[in-house]
Amino acid sequence: MNIKARLAAGEFICAPGTQDMVSALIAKDLGFDTVYASGYWMVASAFGLPDAGIATYTQMLERISTLAKTVGDTAIIADADTGYGGLLNVRETVRGYEAAGVQVIQIEDQQFPKKCGHTPNKKVITTKEMVTKIKVAKEACSKDETLISARTDVYQSQGYAAVLERAIAFADAGADIIFPEGLTSEQEMRDICKAIDKPIMVNMADGTDTPILSAKELQDIGFSIAIFPGTSTLAATTAMYNALSHLKQYGTSQSKDVELYDFQKFNRLIGFEDIWEFDRRWAEDEKDD
């Protein structure tokens, strides 16, 4: 699915976060045509670490590449943090993510190492520095369908006026998508969408100060893309916590209060039917040996 063409046609894109390959397969199975590779949740899932600039570009590229192979023709929007360093790092990050199959590469204006956009003590680079990063990122793209999403995390330290100022500068610098992180009211959402004549992405980060609205409501406000990065992980964590709590207390996984995904269905989800078919096809040759 070509995100650039879909945005040009006025199509609204709703992308769930995929913290691992199981969540990616479920999203694909449910018919989502776009998924979001969140730095926060992928780092948490893969390494059990906080989103604080600890995971390296190489580690994230490996994770992103695996995701691309897993979801096939499902489009990917991928969090590339700050580009993992300076301008040269930005160029190599864009080249690597693009080669892996990412259609939208998201970079942000935080200082390196970065922190999750909804946690304290974030520091941002200057608008001029970020504008240069955007220009380098755009120049690094080799495919016409690759888009650069420019995120600003300035809200926490400088407020909405600074967000708007940076959003305009990022759009003028050539960013294809503008991502104002951490807005705290529907009015701010409406204002930013009216002020910027480019696709705007919004983060539906469950449990934060950003109002959580439906895809329809966000489209009506004027957004073009909505990501729900933590929904699947938070739901899965609750389910795992409840199941393991029951196991710890009662010594069994069986309970009417613990809902388990069907094992045979899970086998099919991860591709065992192909393995079984392969075994059937070649079973006779193995017997002949």
Foldseek 3Di string as FASTA:
>chain_A
DQPVVCVVVVHFAEAEADLALLSLLVCVVVPRLEYEDDQQSVCCVPPVDGLQQPDALVVVLVRLLVSCVSNPNRAYAYECEQCRDAQVSVLVSLLSNVVSHHQEYEHEFWDPPAHPLQDPDTHGDDLVRQLVSLLSSVVSDPDPSHFYEYEYSCCVPPHLVVLLVSQVSNVVSPHQEYEYPDDQDLVSLLVSLVSDPHAYEYEQEPPGNHDHDDSVVSVVSRHRYYYDRCPVVVVVVVLVVVQVVCCVVPVDSDDPVRDDDDPVVVCVSNPVVVVVVVCVVCVVVVVVD
